[in-house]
Structures are given as structure tokens and as C-alpha cells.
């Protein structure tokens, strides 16, 4: 059976390990945020969850529209045909 001392030691070790893990993770997150800010890939706007959902819906709507494809071939020339002619 655990004694009071061993329980305190166990909980103390758990708290220290959790604190060290939090500190280590926080440093990594802050470094990644700084790198993204320097690269210009991190948004600086502060949004609540409703605004984020609206922004994501708008982004999805703009991504779901098909892109406009323009032909690089001049359609007035008779030698350039986008599709091969079927055999007769």
C-alpha cells in the first residue's frame, strides 16, 4: 500500500513532468508562429468561432467553383484542332 510520502512524491513528479511538457510544447508553438508570421502564412486577425466558420465556408465556396480554362491554341487556324478527328 502507498504511504503518504510516496503519494506526494508521485503526484509531485507528475506535476513537474506536466509542467516541463507544457513549457516545451509552448516554446515549439511560439517558434512555429513566429516562422509563419515572418513567412506571411499566418493570419493576424482574431476571430471567434462563428467568424471562423463563415470564413471557412466562403473559402470552400470559392474553391469549389470550377476554374476558367482558356485555350492557348488559336481557334481561327484550321491546322490546330483540340480534338483528333474520328476515323472514317
N, C-alpha and C. Protein backbone atom coordinates (compact mmCIF):
# COMPACT_ATOMS: atom_id res chain seq x y z
N UNK A 1 0.84 -1.16 0.00
CA UNK A 1 0.00 0.00 0.00
C UNK A 1 0.89 1.24 0.00
N UNK A 2 0.41 2.30 -0.65
CA UNK A 2 1.19 3.52 -0.74
C UNK A 2 1.14 4.29 0.57
N UNK A 3 2.26 4.86 0.89
CA UNK A 3 2.30 5.74 2.07
C UNK A 3 2.01 7.15 1.62
N UNK A 4 1.82 8.02 2.56
CA UNK A 4 1.54 9.42 2.24
C UNK A 4 2.73 10.04 1.49
N UNK A 5 3.92 9.66 1.91
CA UNK A 5 5.12 10.21 1.28
C UNK A 5 5.23 9.76 -0.18
N UNK A 6 4.98 8.49 -0.46
CA UNK A 6 5.10 8.01 -1.83
C UNK A 6 4.00 8.62 -2.72
N UNK A 7 2.83 8.87 -2.17
CA UNK A 7 1.76 9.51 -2.94
C UNK A 7 2.13 10.95 -3.29
N UNK A 8 2.69 11.66 -2.33
CA UNK A 8 3.12 13.04 -2.58
C UNK A 8 4.25 13.06 -3.60
N UNK A 9 5.18 12.13 -3.48
CA UNK A 9 6.29 12.06 -4.45
C UNK A 9 5.77 11.76 -5.85
N UNK A 10 4.81 10.85 -5.95
CA UNK A 10 4.25 10.50 -7.25
C UNK A 10 3.52 11.67 -7.89
N UNK A 11 2.68 12.33 -7.10
CA UNK A 11 1.97 13.49 -7.63
C UNK A 11 2.92 14.63 -7.95
N UNK A 12 3.92 14.81 -7.14
CA UNK A 12 4.92 15.86 -7.41
C UNK A 12 5.66 15.60 -8.71
N UNK A 13 6.05 14.34 -8.94
CA UNK A 13 6.74 14.00 -10.18
C UNK A 13 5.81 14.22 -11.38
N UNK A 14 4.54 13.88 -11.23
CA UNK A 14 3.57 14.08 -12.31
C UNK A 14 3.41 15.56 -12.64
N UNK A 15 3.32 16.40 -11.62
CA UNK A 15 3.16 17.84 -11.82
C UNK A 15 4.40 18.43 -12.50
N UNK A 16 5.57 18.02 -12.07
CA UNK A 16 6.82 18.51 -12.67
C UNK A 16 6.91 18.07 -14.13
N UNK A 17 6.59 16.82 -14.41
CA UNK A 17 6.64 16.32 -15.79
C UNK A 17 5.63 17.06 -16.67
N UNK A 18 4.43 17.29 -16.15
CA UNK A 18 3.42 18.01 -16.92
C UNK A 18 3.84 19.45 -17.18
N UNK A 19 4.41 20.09 -16.18
CA UNK A 19 4.88 21.47 -16.35
C UNK A 19 6.00 21.57 -17.37
N UNK A 20 6.93 20.64 -17.33
CA UNK A 20 8.03 20.64 -18.30
C UNK A 20 7.50 20.38 -19.71
N UNK A 21 6.56 19.48 -19.84
CA UNK A 21 5.97 19.19 -21.15
C UNK A 21 5.23 20.40 -21.69
N UNK A 22 4.49 21.07 -20.84
CA UNK A 22 3.76 22.28 -21.26
C UNK A 22 4.74 23.35 -21.73
N UNK A 23 5.79 23.57 -20.97
CA UNK A 23 6.79 24.59 -21.33
C UNK A 23 7.44 24.25 -22.66
N UNK A 24 7.83 23.00 -22.85
CA UNK A 24 8.48 22.56 -24.08
C UNK A 24 7.54 22.72 -25.28
N UNK A 25 6.29 22.34 -25.13
CA UNK A 25 5.32 22.46 -26.22
C UNK A 25 5.04 23.92 -26.54
N UNK A 26 4.90 24.74 -25.52
CA UNK A 26 4.62 26.16 -25.72
C UNK A 26 5.75 26.84 -26.48
N UNK A 27 6.99 26.50 -26.18
CA UNK A 27 8.13 27.07 -26.90
C UNK A 27 8.08 26.69 -28.37
N UNK A 28 7.78 25.44 -28.66
CA UNK A 28 7.70 24.98 -30.04
C UNK A 28 6.58 25.67 -30.81
N UNK A 29 5.44 25.85 -30.15
CA UNK A 29 4.31 26.53 -30.79
C UNK A 29 4.66 27.98 -31.07
N UNK A 30 5.27 28.65 -30.12
CA UNK A 30 5.64 30.05 -30.33
C UNK A 30 6.66 30.20 -31.45
N UNK A 31 7.63 29.29 -31.55
CA UNK A 31 8.61 29.34 -32.63
C UNK A 31 7.92 29.15 -33.98
N UNK A 32 7.00 28.20 -34.06
CA UNK A 32 6.29 27.96 -35.32
C UNK A 32 5.44 29.17 -35.71
N UNK A 33 4.80 29.81 -34.75
CA UNK A 33 4.01 31.00 -35.03
C UNK A 33 4.88 32.14 -35.56
N UNK A 34 6.06 32.32 -34.96
CA UNK A 34 6.97 33.37 -35.43
C UNK A 34 7.44 33.09 -36.85
N UNK A 35 7.76 31.83 -37.15
CA UNK A 35 8.19 31.47 -38.50
C UNK A 35 7.08 31.73 -39.51
N UNK A 36 5.83 31.39 -39.15
CA UNK A 36 4.70 31.61 -40.05
C UNK A 36 4.44 33.10 -40.25
N UNK A 37 4.64 33.89 -39.20
CA UNK A 37 4.43 35.32 -39.32
C UNK A 37 5.48 35.95 -40.23
N UNK A 38 6.72 35.52 -40.08
CA UNK A 38 7.79 36.04 -40.93
C UNK A 38 7.55 35.63 -42.38
N UNK A 39 7.10 34.40 -42.60
CA UNK A 39 6.85 33.91 -43.96
C UNK A 39 5.57 34.50 -44.55
N UNK A 40 4.73 35.09 -43.72
CA UNK A 40 3.48 35.68 -44.20
C UNK A 40 2.36 34.68 -44.38
N UNK A 41 2.47 33.50 -43.79
CA UNK A 41 1.44 32.49 -43.95
C UNK A 41 0.50 32.42 -42.75
N UNK A 42 0.73 33.25 -41.75
CA UNK A 42 -0.11 33.22 -40.56
C UNK A 42 -1.03 34.44 -40.55
N UNK A 43 -2.30 34.20 -40.35
CA UNK A 43 -3.27 35.27 -40.26
C UNK A 43 -3.14 35.97 -38.92
N UNK A 44 -3.19 37.29 -38.93
CA UNK A 44 -3.05 38.05 -37.69
C UNK A 44 -4.39 38.49 -37.13
N UNK A 45 -5.48 38.21 -37.87
CA UNK A 45 -6.79 38.61 -37.39
C UNK A 45 -7.30 37.68 -36.30
N UNK A 46 -7.99 38.27 -35.33
CA UNK A 46 -8.55 37.49 -34.23
C UNK A 46 -10.04 37.30 -34.49
N UNK A 47 -10.45 36.03 -34.66
CA UNK A 47 -11.83 35.72 -34.96
C UNK A 47 -12.41 34.79 -33.91
N UNK A 48 -13.70 34.96 -33.64
CA UNK A 48 -14.36 33.99 -32.76
C UNK A 48 -14.79 32.80 -33.63
N UNK A 49 -15.35 31.79 -33.03
CA UNK A 49 -15.63 30.56 -33.76
C UNK A 49 -16.66 30.75 -34.86
N UNK A 50 -17.62 31.67 -34.66
CA UNK A 50 -18.63 31.90 -35.70
C UNK A 50 -17.99 32.53 -36.94
N UNK A 51 -17.12 33.50 -36.72
CA UNK A 51 -16.45 34.16 -37.84
C UNK A 51 -15.54 33.19 -38.58
N UNK A 52 -14.90 32.28 -37.84
CA UNK A 52 -14.04 31.29 -38.48
C UNK A 52 -14.84 30.35 -39.37
N UNK A 53 -16.03 29.96 -38.90
CA UNK A 53 -16.90 29.08 -39.70
C UNK A 53 -17.34 29.80 -40.97
N UNK A 54 -17.72 31.07 -40.85
CA UNK A 54 -18.12 31.84 -42.03
C UNK A 54 -16.97 31.98 -43.02
N UNK A 55 -15.77 32.27 -42.50
CA UNK A 55 -14.60 32.42 -43.38
C UNK A 55 -14.28 31.10 -44.08
N UNK A 56 -14.36 29.99 -43.36
CA UNK A 56 -14.09 28.69 -43.97
C UNK A 56 -15.14 28.35 -45.02
N UNK A 57 -16.39 28.71 -44.77
CA UNK A 57 -17.45 28.45 -45.75
C UNK A 57 -17.23 29.27 -47.01
N UNK A 58 -16.80 30.51 -46.85
CA UNK A 58 -16.53 31.36 -48.01
C UNK A 58 -15.34 30.83 -48.80
N UNK A 59 -14.31 30.38 -48.10
CA UNK A 59 -13.15 29.82 -48.78
C UNK A 59 -13.52 28.55 -49.53
N UNK A 60 -14.36 27.73 -48.93
CA UNK A 60 -14.78 26.49 -49.59
C UNK A 60 -15.62 26.81 -50.82
N UNK A 61 -16.45 27.86 -50.73
CA UNK A 61 -17.28 28.23 -51.87
C UNK A 61 -16.43 28.73 -53.03
N UNK A 62 -15.39 29.48 -52.72
CA UNK A 62 -14.54 29.99 -53.80
C UNK A 62 -13.68 28.88 -54.38
N UNK A 63 -13.33 27.89 -53.58
CA UNK A 63 -12.52 26.79 -54.09
C UNK A 63 -13.35 25.80 -54.89
N UNK A 64 -14.67 25.72 -54.61
CA UNK A 64 -15.50 24.74 -55.29
C UNK A 64 -15.95 25.21 -56.67
N UNK A 65 -15.80 26.50 -56.98
CA UNK A 65 -16.17 26.96 -58.32
C UNK A 65 -15.11 26.50 -59.30
N UNK A 66 -15.54 26.00 -60.46
CA UNK A 66 -14.56 25.49 -61.41
C UNK A 66 -13.74 26.64 -62.00
N UNK A 67 -12.47 26.41 -62.22
CA UNK A 67 -11.63 27.47 -62.79
C UNK A 67 -11.97 27.68 -64.26
N UNK A 68 -11.77 28.89 -64.72
CA UNK A 68 -12.00 29.22 -66.11
C UNK A 68 -10.76 28.82 -66.89
N UNK A 69 -10.96 27.95 -67.88
CA UNK A 69 -9.84 27.46 -68.68
C UNK A 69 -9.89 28.16 -70.03
N UNK A 70 -8.81 28.81 -70.37
CA UNK A 70 -8.72 29.44 -71.67
C UNK A 70 -7.79 28.62 -72.54
N UNK A 71 -8.12 28.52 -73.78
CA UNK A 71 -7.33 27.72 -74.70
C UNK A 71 -6.12 28.52 -75.16
N UNK A 72 -4.98 27.89 -75.19
CA UNK A 72 -3.77 28.53 -75.66
C UNK A 72 -3.64 28.41 -77.17
N UNK A 73 -4.53 27.63 -77.79
CA UNK A 73 -4.49 27.42 -79.23
C UNK A 73 -5.42 28.41 -79.90
N UNK A 74 -4.97 29.03 -80.94
CA UNK A 74 -5.78 29.97 -81.70
C UNK A 74 -6.84 29.20 -82.46
N UNK A 75 -8.11 29.49 -82.21
CA UNK A 75 -9.20 28.74 -82.83
C UNK A 75 -9.41 29.12 -84.28
N UNK A 76 -8.82 30.21 -84.74
CA UNK A 76 -9.04 30.63 -86.12
C UNK A 76 -8.18 29.84 -87.11
N UNK A 77 -7.11 29.21 -86.62
CA UNK A 77 -6.27 28.44 -87.54
C UNK A 77 -6.91 27.08 -87.78
N UNK A 78 -6.87 26.64 -89.02
CA UNK A 78 -7.53 25.38 -89.37
C UNK A 78 -6.68 24.17 -89.04
N UNK A 79 -5.36 24.35 -88.86
CA UNK A 79 -4.49 23.20 -88.61
C UNK A 79 -4.51 22.76 -87.15
N UNK A 80 -4.88 23.65 -86.26
CA UNK A 80 -4.89 23.33 -84.84
C UNK A 80 -6.29 22.90 -84.43
N UNK A 81 -6.43 21.66 -84.05
CA UNK A 81 -7.71 21.15 -83.61
C UNK A 81 -7.54 20.59 -82.21
N UNK A 82 -8.39 20.98 -81.24
CA UNK A 82 -8.20 20.48 -79.87
C UNK A 82 -8.48 19.00 -79.75
N UNK A 83 -9.34 18.44 -80.63
CA UNK A 83 -9.66 17.01 -80.58
C UNK A 83 -9.29 16.35 -81.88
N UNK A 84 -8.78 15.14 -81.85
CA UNK A 84 -8.47 14.46 -83.11
C UNK A 84 -9.77 14.08 -83.82
N UNK A 85 -9.69 14.04 -85.14
CA UNK A 85 -10.86 13.65 -85.93
C UNK A 85 -11.03 12.15 -85.87
N UNK A 86 -12.29 11.68 -85.75
CA UNK A 86 -12.51 10.24 -85.70
C UNK A 86 -12.24 9.61 -87.09
N UNK A 87 -11.79 8.35 -87.10
CA UNK A 87 -11.52 7.70 -88.37
C UNK A 87 -12.81 7.49 -89.14
N UNK A 88 -12.74 7.58 -90.49
CA UNK A 88 -13.94 7.41 -91.33
C UNK A 88 -14.03 6.02 -91.86
